[in-house]
Amino acid sequence: MNDTQCDGDFPPLTAGQILDIVVTLREVFGSTLSRAQLTDRLLMFLEDVPGYESGEASSSLIESAWAAYRSRLAGR
């Protein structure tokens, strides 16, 4: 996973941070979310993250989260 940029003076989320969010999403919502459902829940989680409060996330962030969600790593 690549680091993803956000607007403003905040550093991008790291691959490890994205994986942590995805692990939490899997723990809370299970491993059967569709991509659209995952995106909605990801945006909900990011509402309290500085630089991501606007409800918008880059396509690379969403792609990274989706790839991690579908991988075995997120099932740890």
N, C-alpha and C. Protein backbone atom coordinates (compact mmCIF):
# COMPACT_ATOMS: atom_id res chain seq x y z
N MET A 1 0.84 -1.17 0.00
CA MET A 1 0.00 0.00 0.00
C MET A 1 0.88 1.24 0.00
N ASN A 2 0.50 2.20 -0.76
CA ASN A 2 1.22 3.46 -0.81
C ASN A 2 0.66 4.40 0.24
N ASP A 3 1.51 5.30 0.71
CA ASP A 3 0.99 6.36 1.57
C ASP A 3 0.03 7.18 0.74
N THR A 4 -1.00 7.68 1.36
CA THR A 4 -1.97 8.48 0.64
C THR A 4 -1.96 9.89 1.17
N GLN A 5 -2.03 10.84 0.28
CA GLN A 5 -1.97 12.25 0.63
C GLN A 5 -3.34 12.77 1.04
N CYS A 6 -3.33 13.72 1.95
CA CYS A 6 -4.56 14.43 2.29
C CYS A 6 -4.28 15.92 2.18
N ASP A 7 -5.32 16.70 2.07
CA ASP A 7 -5.16 18.14 1.96
C ASP A 7 -4.76 18.73 3.31
N GLY A 8 -4.10 19.85 3.27
CA GLY A 8 -3.74 20.54 4.49
C GLY A 8 -2.34 20.20 4.95
N ASP A 9 -2.06 20.53 6.20
CA ASP A 9 -0.74 20.36 6.75
C ASP A 9 -0.55 19.03 7.47
N PHE A 10 -1.46 18.13 7.33
CA PHE A 10 -1.39 16.86 8.03
C PHE A 10 -0.66 15.83 7.19
N PRO A 11 0.13 14.97 7.84
CA PRO A 11 0.83 13.94 7.08
C PRO A 11 -0.18 12.91 6.56
N PRO A 12 0.18 12.22 5.48
CA PRO A 12 -0.71 11.19 4.95
C PRO A 12 -0.80 10.00 5.89
N LEU A 13 -1.86 9.25 5.77
CA LEU A 13 -1.96 8.01 6.53
C LEU A 13 -0.93 7.03 5.99
N THR A 14 -0.29 6.33 6.88
CA THR A 14 0.68 5.32 6.47
C THR A 14 -0.05 4.02 6.13
N ALA A 15 0.66 3.12 5.49
CA ALA A 15 0.08 1.80 5.18
C ALA A 15 -0.35 1.10 6.47
N GLY A 16 0.44 1.24 7.52
CA GLY A 16 0.09 0.63 8.80
C GLY A 16 -1.17 1.22 9.41
N GLN A 17 -1.34 2.53 9.29
CA GLN A 17 -2.54 3.18 9.80
C GLN A 17 -3.77 2.75 9.02
N ILE A 18 -3.63 2.64 7.71
CA ILE A 18 -4.75 2.18 6.88
C ILE A 18 -5.11 0.76 7.28
N LEU A 19 -4.11 -0.09 7.47
CA LEU A 19 -4.37 -1.47 7.86
C LEU A 19 -5.06 -1.52 9.22
N ASP A 20 -4.64 -0.69 10.16
CA ASP A 20 -5.30 -0.65 11.47
C ASP A 20 -6.77 -0.28 11.35
N ILE A 21 -7.08 0.69 10.51
CA ILE A 21 -8.48 1.08 10.30
C ILE A 21 -9.25 -0.08 9.69
N VAL A 22 -8.64 -0.74 8.70
CA VAL A 22 -9.32 -1.86 8.03
C VAL A 22 -9.54 -3.01 8.99
N VAL A 23 -8.57 -3.30 9.84
CA VAL A 23 -8.74 -4.37 10.83
C VAL A 23 -9.92 -4.04 11.74
N THR A 24 -10.01 -2.79 12.16
CA THR A 24 -11.13 -2.37 12.99
C THR A 24 -12.45 -2.51 12.25
N LEU A 25 -12.48 -2.09 10.99
CA LEU A 25 -13.71 -2.22 10.19
C LEU A 25 -14.13 -3.69 10.09
N ARG A 26 -13.17 -4.58 9.89
CA ARG A 26 -13.49 -6.02 9.81
C ARG A 26 -14.01 -6.54 11.13
N GLU A 27 -13.42 -6.08 12.25
CA GLU A 27 -13.86 -6.52 13.57
C GLU A 27 -15.28 -6.05 13.86
N VAL A 28 -15.59 -4.83 13.46
CA VAL A 28 -16.91 -4.25 13.75
C VAL A 28 -17.97 -4.72 12.77
N PHE A 29 -17.65 -4.76 11.47
CA PHE A 29 -18.66 -5.02 10.45
C PHE A 29 -18.52 -6.37 9.75
N GLY A 30 -17.47 -7.12 10.05
CA GLY A 30 -17.28 -8.41 9.40
C GLY A 30 -16.51 -8.28 8.10
N SER A 31 -16.39 -9.40 7.41
CA SER A 31 -15.55 -9.44 6.21
C SER A 31 -16.37 -9.58 4.92
N THR A 32 -17.65 -9.25 4.98
CA THR A 32 -18.48 -9.42 3.80
C THR A 32 -19.02 -8.11 3.23
N LEU A 33 -18.41 -6.99 3.60
CA LEU A 33 -18.88 -5.71 3.06
C LEU A 33 -18.57 -5.62 1.57
N SER A 34 -19.45 -4.98 0.85
CA SER A 34 -19.16 -4.65 -0.55
C SER A 34 -18.20 -3.47 -0.55
N ARG A 35 -17.65 -3.19 -1.71
CA ARG A 35 -16.73 -2.04 -1.81
C ARG A 35 -17.45 -0.74 -1.43
N ALA A 36 -18.68 -0.57 -1.87
CA ALA A 36 -19.45 0.64 -1.54
C ALA A 36 -19.70 0.73 -0.03
N GLN A 37 -20.04 -0.39 0.59
CA GLN A 37 -20.28 -0.40 2.03
C GLN A 37 -18.98 -0.08 2.79
N LEU A 38 -17.89 -0.67 2.34
CA LEU A 38 -16.60 -0.40 2.99
C LEU A 38 -16.25 1.08 2.86
N THR A 39 -16.46 1.65 1.69
CA THR A 39 -16.16 3.06 1.48
C THR A 39 -16.98 3.93 2.42
N ASP A 40 -18.27 3.65 2.56
CA ASP A 40 -19.13 4.42 3.47
C ASP A 40 -18.63 4.34 4.91
N ARG A 41 -18.28 3.15 5.34
CA ARG A 41 -17.83 2.97 6.73
C ARG A 41 -16.44 3.58 6.94
N LEU A 42 -15.59 3.50 5.93
CA LEU A 42 -14.27 4.12 6.00
C LEU A 42 -14.41 5.63 6.17
N LEU A 43 -15.26 6.23 5.37
CA LEU A 43 -15.48 7.68 5.47
C LEU A 43 -16.04 8.05 6.84
N MET A 44 -16.89 7.20 7.40
CA MET A 44 -17.44 7.43 8.73
C MET A 44 -16.31 7.42 9.76
N PHE A 45 -15.42 6.45 9.67
CA PHE A 45 -14.29 6.36 10.60
C PHE A 45 -13.36 7.55 10.46
N LEU A 46 -13.18 8.05 9.25
CA LEU A 46 -12.24 9.14 9.00
C LEU A 46 -12.78 10.51 9.39
N GLU A 47 -14.05 10.61 9.75
CA GLU A 47 -14.63 11.90 10.12
C GLU A 47 -13.87 12.58 11.25
N ASP A 48 -13.25 11.81 12.13
CA ASP A 48 -12.54 12.38 13.27
C ASP A 48 -11.03 12.44 13.08
N VAL A 49 -10.56 12.13 11.87
CA VAL A 49 -9.13 12.16 11.58
C VAL A 49 -8.79 13.51 10.96
N PRO A 50 -7.86 14.26 11.58
CA PRO A 50 -7.51 15.57 11.04
C PRO A 50 -7.10 15.49 9.56
N GLY A 51 -7.67 16.37 8.76
CA GLY A 51 -7.39 16.40 7.34
C GLY A 51 -8.37 15.59 6.50
N TYR A 52 -9.21 14.77 7.16
CA TYR A 52 -10.16 13.93 6.43
C TYR A 52 -11.60 14.20 6.88
N GLU A 53 -11.81 15.28 7.63
CA GLU A 53 -13.13 15.56 8.19
C GLU A 53 -14.19 15.90 7.14
N SER A 54 -13.77 16.25 5.96
CA SER A 54 -14.70 16.71 4.93
C SER A 54 -15.56 15.59 4.36
N GLY A 55 -15.25 14.35 4.70
CA GLY A 55 -16.02 13.24 4.15
C GLY A 55 -15.53 12.83 2.78
N GLU A 56 -14.40 13.39 2.37
CA GLU A 56 -13.82 13.02 1.08
C GLU A 56 -12.51 12.29 1.32
N ALA A 57 -12.29 11.25 0.58
CA ALA A 57 -11.03 10.52 0.65
C ALA A 57 -10.56 10.28 -0.76
N SER A 58 -9.26 10.27 -0.93
CA SER A 58 -8.71 10.06 -2.26
C SER A 58 -9.04 8.65 -2.75
N SER A 59 -9.06 8.52 -4.04
CA SER A 59 -9.32 7.19 -4.61
C SER A 59 -8.20 6.23 -4.25
N SER A 60 -6.97 6.72 -4.08
CA SER A 60 -5.88 5.83 -3.69
C SER A 60 -6.05 5.33 -2.26
N LEU A 61 -6.58 6.17 -1.37
CA LEU A 61 -6.86 5.73 0.00
C LEU A 61 -7.93 4.65 0.00
N ILE A 62 -9.00 4.88 -0.74
CA ILE A 62 -10.08 3.90 -0.82
C ILE A 62 -9.59 2.60 -1.44
N GLU A 63 -8.79 2.71 -2.48
CA GLU A 63 -8.23 1.51 -3.13
C GLU A 63 -7.33 0.75 -2.17
N SER A 64 -6.49 1.46 -1.43
CA SER A 64 -5.61 0.81 -0.47
C SER A 64 -6.41 0.11 0.63
N ALA A 65 -7.44 0.77 1.11
CA ALA A 65 -8.28 0.19 2.15
C ALA A 65 -9.01 -1.05 1.62
N TRP A 66 -9.52 -0.97 0.41
CA TRP A 66 -10.23 -2.10 -0.18
C TRP A 66 -9.28 -3.29 -0.36
N ALA A 67 -8.09 -3.03 -0.86
CA ALA A 67 -7.10 -4.10 -1.05
C ALA A 67 -6.75 -4.76 0.29
N ALA A 68 -6.57 -3.94 1.32
CA ALA A 68 -6.26 -4.48 2.64
C ALA A 68 -7.44 -5.26 3.20
N TYR A 69 -8.64 -4.76 3.00
CA TYR A 69 -9.84 -5.42 3.51
C TYR A 69 -10.00 -6.81 2.90
N ARG A 70 -9.71 -6.90 1.62
CA ARG A 70 -9.88 -8.18 0.93
C ARG A 70 -8.69 -9.13 1.15
N SER A 71 -7.59 -8.64 1.72
CA SER A 71 -6.42 -9.48 1.91
C SER A 71 -6.50 -10.27 3.21
N ARG A 72 -5.67 -11.26 3.31
CA ARG A 72 -5.60 -12.06 4.53
C ARG A 72 -4.97 -11.29 5.67
N LEU A 73 -4.15 -10.28 5.37
CA LEU A 73 -3.49 -9.51 6.43
C LEU A 73 -4.50 -8.86 7.36
N ALA A 74 -5.61 -8.39 6.82
CA ALA A 74 -6.59 -7.69 7.63
C ALA A 74 -7.34 -8.65 8.54
N GLY A 75 -7.26 -9.93 8.28
CA GLY A 75 -7.94 -10.90 9.10
C GLY A 75 -7.13 -11.35 10.29
N ARG A 76 -6.03 -10.68 10.58
CA ARG A 76 -5.13 -11.10 11.66
C ARG A 76 -5.76 -11.14 13.01
